[in-house]
Amino acid sequence: MRIAILAFPRFQLLDVAGPADVFNEASRQLGKPGAYQVQVIGTEEGMLQSSGGLRLAVDASVATHRGSIDTLLVAGSPNIEDMASDLRLQDWLRLQCRKVRRYGSVCTGAFVLAATGLLDGKRVATHWNSTARLAAEYPGTCVEADAIYVRDGKLFTSAGVTAGMDLALAMVEEDHGRELALRVARELVMFLKRPGGQSQFSAHLAAQTAERSDVREVQDYILANLKEDLSVPALASRAGMSDRSFARIFRSETGTTPAEFVENTRIDAARRLAEDSDLPAKRLADAVGYANVDGFRRAFARRLGLSLVEYRKRFVR
């Protein structure tokens, strides 16, 4: 099965290497070296320099490539606008994507596909810092800002950088089943499921965004003490601020209110517990600090877009 990854000058190296390693590991686990044959197709021949400075030799260029492709992925780049405006590349992509079994993008590679019109009317994902721009520049797309990856028919798109590995792992599972995907995930020390339709970043990663140490300390406290009183007055007291000042500074530093951050943190913890256990809703609610199970259910559905029961049916096997 031939996997082609399109790269161009100043491409994001991990957008190529990450998915390639997932497919190569799948071949190794299957005991069939040729199960997945990964090739890099460049916009030009020879060596391509990545955004980080490392160079990669391409297997072919869009002008010289021959042979069939099963899966075509477009890598991202900090300079994606240069490629999104390449009319000859757009023509090549339209032609190839009509013929392949599936196609997609990693990170900002979505902009290149969007420029071809191939994302019109499609649900798509991209890097969290580019979702608003993608939606504004290509209003025909339906951008799912919180998704790790999204599948819409034969189209697969992923969030930033490492999410390309999640996307590739989903393809491996589609091709060969959960057991192989699990073996690959274990070998590469990655999650089997960081599924689309959930928060792109867990509250644990969001906690890294605050610059002020006092706000970071409060975030760390929230993460470690989900069952405690996490109201604004309690958190403001811990930060040594008035309620009003704390709420204002917290939002300025993190882009969210204290209540939203607490809810995100609790629901993030709950959905991980839901994946790893068969705890009923009431015990899940208690474990993450909800006194009322109905309030927990409403928050779960609000944050993840589906009920706890639906979530388990869809993402837990």
Foldseek 3Di string as FASTA:
>chain_A
DEEEEEDEAQFAVLQQVQLVLLVCVLCVVVVHNVPYHYFYEYCDAAWHAHVVGDIDHGPYYLVGDDDAHAEYEYTHHPPCVVLLPDPVVLVSVVVNCVRYQAYEYAAHSVSNPLSSVNQFCHEWEHALVCQVVCCVVRVRHRYDNFFQWDDDRRYIYGYHRNSSNQRSLVVSCVVPNDVSSVVSCVVVVHDSDPGTLAGNDALVVLLVQFPDPLLSVLSVVLLVCQQDDQDLCVSCVSSVHDSVVVQVSNCVRRVDGSVVSSLRSLLSVLVVCLQVDVDDQCVSCNVRHHPDSVVNQVSNCVRRVDGSVVSCVVPHD
